[in-house]
Amino acid sequence: MSRTAPRVLPPGLLLLALAGCAAQTASPGRTVIYYIAAEEVDWDYAPAGMNQITGKPFDGPFETLMMTRGPTQIGRVYRKAIYREYTDSTFTTPKQRPPEWEHLGILGPLLRASVGDTIRVVFRNQASHPFSMHPHGVIYTKDSEGAPYQDGTSGADKADDAVPPGGSHVYLWPVPERAGPAPGEGSSVLWMYHSHRLEEGDLNAGLVGPMVVTARGRARPDGTPDDVDREVVVAFYEVDENLSPYYGHNVETYADPAKVPKLPTFADFYYLSNLKETLNGFSYGTLPGLTMRMGERVRWYIFGTTNFEVHAPHWHGQTAVANHMRTDALSLTTMEMLTADMVPDNPGTWLFHCHVTGHLLAGMQALFTVEGE
């Protein structure tokens, strides 16, 4: 009995056929829903009340300037606005962060999606100033951009730009292929979201958070990338409290308005005392929860924010792979987002800090712990 030889497709047609099969078999994207509010809190930049790097009280010239309260210094505690996640649209029950994510600190909740999904954010502004939510990387139409400027739109397309106190808005952000990892990258990438009504004030108020997009087919059921055991998000977050919409409140509450400069400039020590160098809103080693185990596949998501920022993140005791090279130090500029993969091999408690000297002295330092196997 004769047999017909199988048909061999030319390479170009073969690739097209395989792409068509992949498109037909790919699972449809999900809609991932988050309920997020902007809320006001009194934030302590160093809740331990001492320098956790040195184990001593705040007594150095930089530490005293940054962390001591007095008639001409606000100190450690400032009124701020943060993004907080809730369990449903009633906004009555905050969603609790698990211990492995307590290190997010002042950052908003981690938003997750895979390529092909759509992120739906139900946002409620429970603060006293207009705020918004603006994403990086994903697709958005004009009613979900969260940024006011002369773009030729009006009406409903402007409702997202500045949600008033007590108001709500639904943001829809589809996640296309170009929001996922590029060829040669790992299984997930970092983006961010933040309020963009008045960007110079909103991020300094505290309204910024991380967003992780995983490649299609590379996420576990809980959304985490399937080749990673531990994820860590750290913002090298310089906060200029002089530009915060809560600046007036903080002067009235924590200092003597009659004794602070009326129009402070960058040359004033008072201005510098309100320029907080933090990791996720914590200074001088007070960032909690950076714990991992030897041999774990740890993915670090690292980003900067909007002020005059150039940072040099540096790990003591470990190395990581970032930008296709092995290193223990990175270069990070304003609003840049980086991903670094680490397999810790050296147990102990180690320093993670910015190598820019002024940032280091002003508190942009944390401790991370690698536990033995």
Protein backbone atom coordinates (compact mmCIF):
# COMPACT_ATOMS: atom_id res chain seq x y z
CA MET A 1 0.00 0.00 0.00
CA SER A 2 1.49 3.31 -1.12
CA ARG A 3 1.75 6.30 1.20
CA THR A 4 1.69 9.94 0.25
CA ALA A 5 4.80 11.79 1.33
CA PRO A 6 4.12 14.48 3.94
CA ARG A 7 3.96 17.99 2.63
CA VAL A 8 6.89 20.14 3.73
CA LEU A 9 6.10 23.83 4.06
CA PRO A 10 8.66 26.48 3.19
CA PRO A 11 10.21 28.04 6.36
CA GLY A 12 8.22 31.28 6.01
CA LEU A 13 4.86 29.50 5.65
CA LEU A 14 5.78 27.15 8.49
CA LEU A 15 6.32 30.10 10.84
CA LEU A 16 2.99 31.60 9.82
CA ALA A 17 1.21 28.30 10.40
CA LEU A 18 2.78 27.89 13.84
CA ALA A 19 1.85 31.47 14.76
CA GLY A 20 -1.74 30.79 13.69
CA CYS A 21 -1.90 27.65 15.83
CA ALA A 22 -0.50 29.54 18.82
CA ALA A 23 -3.10 32.28 18.39
CA GLN A 24 -5.92 29.72 18.26
CA THR A 25 -4.72 27.79 21.31
CA ALA A 26 -3.81 30.77 23.51
CA SER A 27 -6.18 31.14 26.42
CA PRO A 28 -8.33 34.28 26.35
CA GLY A 29 -7.13 37.13 28.52
CA ARG A 30 -8.67 37.77 31.91
CA THR A 31 -9.93 40.97 33.43
CA VAL A 32 -8.05 41.51 36.67
CA ILE A 33 -9.96 43.80 39.02
CA TYR A 34 -8.45 45.98 41.75
CA TYR A 35 -10.22 48.29 44.21
CA ILE A 36 -7.87 51.09 45.17
CA ALA A 37 -8.39 54.23 47.24
CA ALA A 38 -6.25 57.30 47.78
CA GLU A 39 -6.13 57.90 51.53
CA GLU A 40 -4.32 60.20 53.92
CA VAL A 41 -1.94 58.92 56.58
CA ASP A 42 0.67 60.32 58.94
CA TRP A 43 3.81 58.59 57.67
CA ASP A 44 6.92 57.95 59.78
CA TYR A 45 10.07 57.73 57.65
CA ALA A 46 11.98 55.96 60.42
CA PRO A 47 9.51 54.22 62.73
CA ALA A 48 12.27 52.48 64.71
CA GLY A 49 13.26 55.91 66.04
CA MET A 50 16.96 55.20 65.49
CA ASN A 51 19.50 54.45 62.78
CA GLN A 52 19.13 50.72 62.12
CA ILE A 53 22.30 50.69 60.02
CA THR A 54 24.54 51.88 62.87
CA GLY A 55 22.33 50.68 65.71
CA LYS A 56 22.62 54.11 67.31
CA PRO A 57 20.32 57.10 67.91
CA PHE A 58 20.05 59.79 65.25
CA ASP A 59 23.01 61.95 66.28
CA GLY A 60 25.09 62.66 63.16
CA PRO A 61 24.73 65.98 61.31
CA PHE A 62 22.79 64.47 58.39
CA GLU A 63 20.64 62.29 60.66
CA THR A 64 19.83 65.20 62.96
CA LEU A 65 18.89 67.37 59.99
CA MET A 66 16.65 64.74 58.39
CA MET A 67 15.04 63.04 61.38
CA THR A 68 14.82 65.53 64.28
CA ARG A 69 11.69 67.57 64.94
CA GLY A 70 11.91 71.16 66.17
CA PRO A 71 10.59 74.69 65.56
CA THR A 72 12.43 74.86 62.21
CA GLN A 73 12.34 71.15 61.30
CA ILE A 74 9.34 68.93 60.66
CA GLY A 75 11.24 65.73 61.53
CA ARG A 76 10.26 62.14 60.72
CA VAL A 77 6.44 62.25 60.49
CA TYR A 78 4.54 63.90 57.61
CA ARG A 79 0.94 63.88 56.41
CA LYS A 80 0.85 62.00 53.09
CA ALA A 81 -1.50 60.34 50.61
CA ILE A 82 -1.09 56.67 49.69
CA TYR A 83 -2.81 54.12 47.48
CA ARG A 84 -4.53 51.40 49.55
CA GLU A 85 -6.17 48.26 48.19
CA TYR A 86 -9.63 47.10 49.32
CA THR A 87 -11.42 43.79 48.94
CA ASP A 88 -14.45 45.06 46.99
CA SER A 89 -16.31 48.10 45.70
CA THR A 90 -17.74 49.00 49.11
CA PHE A 91 -14.26 50.14 50.21
CA THR A 92 -14.97 48.99 53.76
CA THR A 93 -12.35 46.24 54.21
CA PRO A 94 -8.71 46.97 53.39
CA LYS A 95 -6.89 44.06 51.78
CA GLN A 96 -4.13 42.93 54.09
CA ARG A 97 -0.60 42.60 52.79
CA PRO A 98 1.04 39.24 53.44
CA PRO A 99 4.37 39.29 55.33
CA GLU A 100 6.44 38.82 52.17
CA TRP A 101 5.05 42.11 50.83
CA GLU A 102 5.30 44.30 53.93
CA HIS A 103 8.46 45.76 52.41
CA LEU A 104 6.32 47.71 49.91
CA GLY A 105 6.00 50.32 52.64
CA ILE A 106 4.47 53.54 51.34
CA LEU A 107 4.05 52.14 47.82
CA GLY A 108 0.61 51.29 46.52
CA PRO A 109 -0.46 47.66 46.03
CA LEU A 110 1.34 45.52 43.47
CA LEU A 111 -0.82 45.20 40.35
CA ARG A 112 -0.32 42.02 38.33
CA ALA A 113 -1.34 40.94 34.86
CA SER A 114 -0.17 38.74 32.01
CA VAL A 115 0.09 39.74 28.37
CA GLY A 116 -3.44 39.58 26.94
CA ASP A 117 -5.17 40.50 30.21
CA THR A 118 -6.98 43.72 31.04
CA ILE A 119 -6.45 45.55 34.33
CA ARG A 120 -9.61 47.17 35.69
CA VAL A 121 -9.05 49.58 38.57
CA VAL A 122 -11.99 50.90 40.54
CA PHE A 123 -10.50 54.02 42.10
CA ARG A 124 -11.97 56.07 44.92
CA ASN A 125 -10.42 59.30 46.12
CA GLN A 126 -10.78 59.39 49.90
CA ALA A 127 -8.19 62.15 50.29
CA SER A 128 -8.70 65.92 50.49
CA HIS A 129 -7.05 66.83 47.15
CA PRO A 130 -7.88 65.77 43.57
CA PHE A 131 -5.79 62.77 42.49
CA SER A 132 -5.68 60.24 39.65
CA MET A 133 -4.04 57.00 38.47
CA HIS A 134 -1.74 57.01 35.46
CA PRO A 135 -0.05 53.77 34.28
CA HIS A 136 3.19 53.16 32.41
CA GLY A 137 3.62 50.56 29.67
CA VAL A 138 0.06 49.35 29.16
CA ILE A 139 -2.59 50.58 26.70
CA TYR A 140 -5.08 53.25 27.77
CA THR A 141 -7.66 55.40 26.06
CA LYS A 142 -8.22 59.02 26.97
CA ASP A 143 -10.76 58.17 29.67
CA SER A 144 -8.15 56.02 31.48
CA GLU A 145 -4.94 58.05 31.13
CA GLY A 146 -5.16 59.92 34.43
CA ALA A 147 -3.27 63.02 33.26
CA PRO A 148 -4.72 66.47 32.43
CA TYR A 149 -3.32 68.42 29.51
CA GLN A 150 -4.55 70.00 26.29
CA ASP A 151 -5.17 66.82 24.31
CA GLY A 152 -8.28 67.90 22.42
CA THR A 153 -10.67 65.82 24.53
CA SER A 154 -13.60 66.84 26.69
CA GLY A 155 -16.51 65.46 28.70
CA ALA A 156 -16.18 61.85 29.85
CA ASP A 157 -12.63 61.68 28.49
CA LYS A 158 -11.60 64.22 31.15
CA ALA A 159 -13.22 62.52 34.16
CA ASP A 160 -10.11 60.40 34.76
CA ASP A 161 -7.69 63.32 34.83
CA ALA A 162 -8.38 64.54 38.36
CA VAL A 163 -10.82 62.61 40.53
CA PRO A 164 -12.19 65.02 43.16
CA PRO A 165 -12.29 64.23 46.89
CA GLY A 166 -15.10 61.75 47.45
CA GLY A 167 -15.24 60.87 43.74
CA SER A 168 -14.64 57.59 41.92
CA HIS A 169 -13.48 56.50 38.48
CA VAL A 170 -12.93 53.18 36.68
CA TYR A 171 -9.65 52.86 34.77
CA LEU A 172 -9.28 50.17 32.08
CA TRP A 173 -5.76 49.22 31.01
CA PRO A 174 -5.40 46.42 28.41
CA VAL A 175 -2.02 44.64 28.53
CA PRO A 176 -0.65 44.17 24.99
CA GLU A 177 2.43 42.26 23.90
CA ARG A 178 4.53 45.42 24.01
CA ALA A 179 3.82 45.75 27.74
CA GLY A 180 5.39 42.34 28.41
CA PRO A 181 9.01 41.23 28.36
CA ALA A 182 10.92 41.96 25.17
CA PRO A 183 12.92 39.22 23.42
CA GLY A 184 15.90 38.39 25.59
CA GLU A 185 14.29 39.60 28.81
CA GLY A 186 13.03 37.35 31.58
CA SER A 187 9.49 36.16 32.21
CA SER A 188 8.24 39.41 33.79
CA VAL A 189 8.85 43.15 33.70
CA LEU A 190 8.19 46.08 35.99
CA TRP A 191 6.02 49.12 35.27
CA MET A 192 4.59 51.67 37.66
CA TYR A 193 1.46 53.74 38.20
CA HIS A 194 1.10 57.08 39.95
CA SER A 195 -1.12 60.12 40.32
CA HIS A 196 -0.54 62.58 37.48
CA ARG A 197 -2.96 65.42 38.24
CA LEU A 198 -0.02 67.57 39.41
CA GLU A 199 2.92 65.24 39.00
CA GLU A 200 5.44 67.37 40.88
CA GLY A 201 3.15 67.33 43.91
CA ASP A 202 1.34 63.99 43.64
CA LEU A 203 4.37 61.70 43.74
CA ASN A 204 5.86 63.73 46.56
CA ALA A 205 2.55 63.27 48.36
CA GLY A 206 3.16 59.49 48.20
CA LEU A 207 0.95 58.27 45.35
CA VAL A 208 2.98 55.72 43.40
CA GLY A 209 2.91 51.93 43.10
CA PRO A 210 4.38 48.99 41.14
CA MET A 211 2.86 46.94 38.33
CA VAL A 212 4.32 43.63 37.08
CA VAL A 213 3.46 42.16 33.68
CA THR A 214 4.26 38.51 33.01
CA ALA A 215 4.77 37.01 29.57
CA ARG A 216 1.83 35.13 28.07
CA GLY A 217 1.72 31.60 29.45
CA ARG A 218 4.46 32.23 32.06
CA ALA A 219 2.32 32.98 35.13
CA ARG A 220 1.25 30.63 37.90
CA PRO A 221 -2.42 30.71 38.98
CA ASP A 222 -1.59 33.44 41.52
CA GLY A 223 -0.02 35.59 38.79
CA THR A 224 3.61 35.18 39.82
CA PRO A 225 6.16 34.32 37.12
CA ASP A 226 6.73 30.56 36.96
CA ASP A 227 10.53 30.69 37.13
CA VAL A 228 10.82 32.89 40.24
CA ASP A 229 10.60 31.92 43.92
CA ARG A 230 10.69 35.37 45.57
CA GLU A 231 9.90 38.84 44.27
CA VAL A 232 11.06 42.11 45.80
CA VAL A 233 10.05 45.66 44.79
CA VAL A 234 12.20 48.61 45.88
CA ALA A 235 11.69 52.24 44.87
CA PHE A 236 14.68 54.51 45.26
CA TYR A 237 12.27 57.19 46.32
CA GLU A 238 13.49 60.72 46.90
CA VAL A 239 10.54 62.60 48.40
CA ASP A 240 10.55 66.40 48.22
CA GLU A 241 8.14 67.32 50.99
CA ASN A 242 8.53 71.00 50.05
CA LEU A 243 6.48 70.21 46.92
CA SER A 244 3.84 68.06 48.58
CA PRO A 245 0.24 69.35 48.65
CA TYR A 246 0.40 68.60 52.39
CA TYR A 247 3.38 70.89 53.00
CA GLY A 248 1.29 73.59 54.69
CA HIS A 249 -0.40 71.06 56.97
CA ASN A 250 2.97 69.58 57.96
CA VAL A 251 4.47 72.96 58.83
CA GLU A 252 1.42 73.89 60.91
CA THR A 253 1.33 70.53 62.67
CA TYR A 254 4.97 69.60 63.26
CA ALA A 255 6.98 72.87 63.19
CA ASP A 256 6.61 76.56 64.08
CA PRO A 257 5.26 78.40 60.99
CA ALA A 258 6.68 81.69 62.28
CA LYS A 259 10.22 80.30 62.29
CA VAL A 260 10.46 78.35 59.04
CA PRO A 261 11.59 80.14 55.84
CA LYS A 262 8.67 81.57 53.88
CA LEU A 263 10.17 80.76 50.47
CA PRO A 264 12.79 78.06 51.07
CA THR A 265 15.25 77.22 48.31
CA PHE A 266 17.50 74.24 47.67
CA ALA A 267 20.35 76.16 49.33
CA ASP A 268 18.55 76.26 52.70
CA PHE A 269 19.18 73.57 55.29
CA TYR A 270 15.47 73.75 56.07
CA TYR A 271 14.62 72.80 52.46
CA LEU A 272 17.10 69.93 52.60
CA SER A 273 15.57 68.67 55.85
CA ASN A 274 12.34 68.09 53.90
CA LEU A 275 14.09 66.20 51.10
CA LYS A 276 13.75 62.59 52.24
CA GLU A 277 16.02 59.92 50.73
CA THR A 278 14.15 56.65 51.13
CA LEU A 279 13.67 53.09 50.00
CA ASN A 280 9.90 52.54 49.76
CA GLY A 281 9.37 55.46 52.13
CA PHE A 282 11.82 54.28 54.82
CA SER A 283 15.22 55.73 55.74
CA TYR A 284 18.27 54.60 57.68
CA GLY A 285 17.68 50.85 57.54
CA THR A 286 14.07 50.87 58.76
CA LEU A 287 12.62 49.19 55.64
CA PRO A 288 11.12 45.89 56.90
CA GLY A 289 10.68 42.48 55.33
CA LEU A 290 13.60 42.04 52.92
CA THR A 291 14.15 38.37 53.71
CA MET A 292 15.03 35.53 51.31
CA ARG A 293 16.71 32.14 51.39
CA MET A 294 19.91 30.81 49.92
CA GLY A 295 19.33 29.18 46.54
CA GLU A 296 16.00 30.91 45.90
CA ARG A 297 15.42 32.51 42.52
CA VAL A 298 14.85 36.11 43.61
CA ARG A 299 13.66 38.77 41.20
CA TRP A 300 14.29 42.37 42.25
CA TYR A 301 12.11 45.05 40.64
CA ILE A 302 13.78 48.44 41.15
CA PHE A 303 12.67 51.91 40.10
CA GLY A 304 13.22 55.61 40.63
CA THR A 305 10.73 58.46 40.89
CA THR A 306 10.35 62.00 39.59
CA ASN A 307 12.71 64.37 41.38
CA PHE A 308 16.30 65.21 40.45
CA GLU A 309 17.33 61.60 40.90
CA VAL A 310 20.33 59.57 39.84
CA HIS A 311 20.91 56.48 41.96
CA ALA A 312 23.42 53.66 42.19
CA PRO A 313 21.71 50.67 43.88
CA HIS A 314 24.31 48.36 45.43
CA TRP A 315 23.97 44.97 47.15
CA HIS A 316 26.54 43.84 49.67
CA GLY A 317 27.40 40.14 49.78
CA GLN A 318 25.53 39.03 46.63
CA THR A 319 25.49 39.51 42.87
CA ALA A 320 22.62 39.71 40.39
CA VAL A 321 22.06 39.59 36.64
CA ALA A 322 20.61 42.75 35.09
CA ASN A 323 20.84 44.13 31.55
CA HIS A 324 22.47 40.84 30.44
CA MET A 325 25.42 41.26 32.80
CA ARG A 326 26.38 40.08 36.27
CA THR A 327 26.82 42.90 38.73
CA ASP A 328 26.37 44.06 42.31
CA ALA A 329 25.61 47.68 41.40
CA LEU A 330 23.14 49.29 38.99
CA SER A 331 22.62 52.67 37.37
CA LEU A 332 19.14 54.11 37.92
CA THR A 333 17.82 57.42 36.62
CA THR A 334 14.59 59.38 37.07
CA MET A 335 11.50 57.14 36.58
CA GLU A 336 13.63 54.27 35.27
CA MET A 337 12.45 50.71 35.94
CA LEU A 338 14.87 47.75 36.16
CA THR A 339 14.67 44.02 36.77
CA ALA A 340 17.52 42.06 38.36
CA ASP A 341 17.67 38.32 39.05
CA MET A 342 19.59 36.99 42.04
CA VAL A 343 20.26 33.56 43.48
CA PRO A 344 21.56 34.37 46.98
CA ASP A 345 24.57 32.24 47.93
CA ASN A 346 25.97 34.04 50.95
CA PRO A 347 23.93 33.90 54.19
CA GLY A 348 23.73 36.82 56.58
CA THR A 349 22.32 40.31 56.94
CA TRP A 350 23.58 42.63 54.21
CA LEU A 351 23.45 46.28 53.24
CA PHE A 352 21.44 47.48 50.21
CA HIS A 353 21.87 51.18 49.51
CA CYS A 354 22.39 54.01 47.05
CA HIS A 355 26.06 54.69 46.37
CA VAL A 356 25.46 58.39 45.69
CA THR A 357 27.11 59.83 48.78
CA GLY A 358 24.49 62.48 49.58
CA HIS A 359 21.69 59.91 49.31
CA LEU A 360 23.61 57.43 51.45
CA LEU A 361 24.25 59.97 54.22
CA ALA A 362 20.63 61.15 54.11
CA GLY A 363 19.31 57.64 54.76
CA MET A 364 18.80 55.80 51.44
CA GLN A 365 19.90 52.51 53.02
CA ALA A 366 18.24 49.21 53.94
CA LEU A 367 19.16 45.79 55.28
CA PHE A 368 18.28 42.50 53.62
CA THR A 369 18.66 39.06 55.10
CA VAL A 370 19.65 35.84 53.37
CA GLU A 371 18.71 32.81 55.46
CA GLY A 372 20.57 29.51 55.18
CA GLU A 373 19.08 26.58 53.29
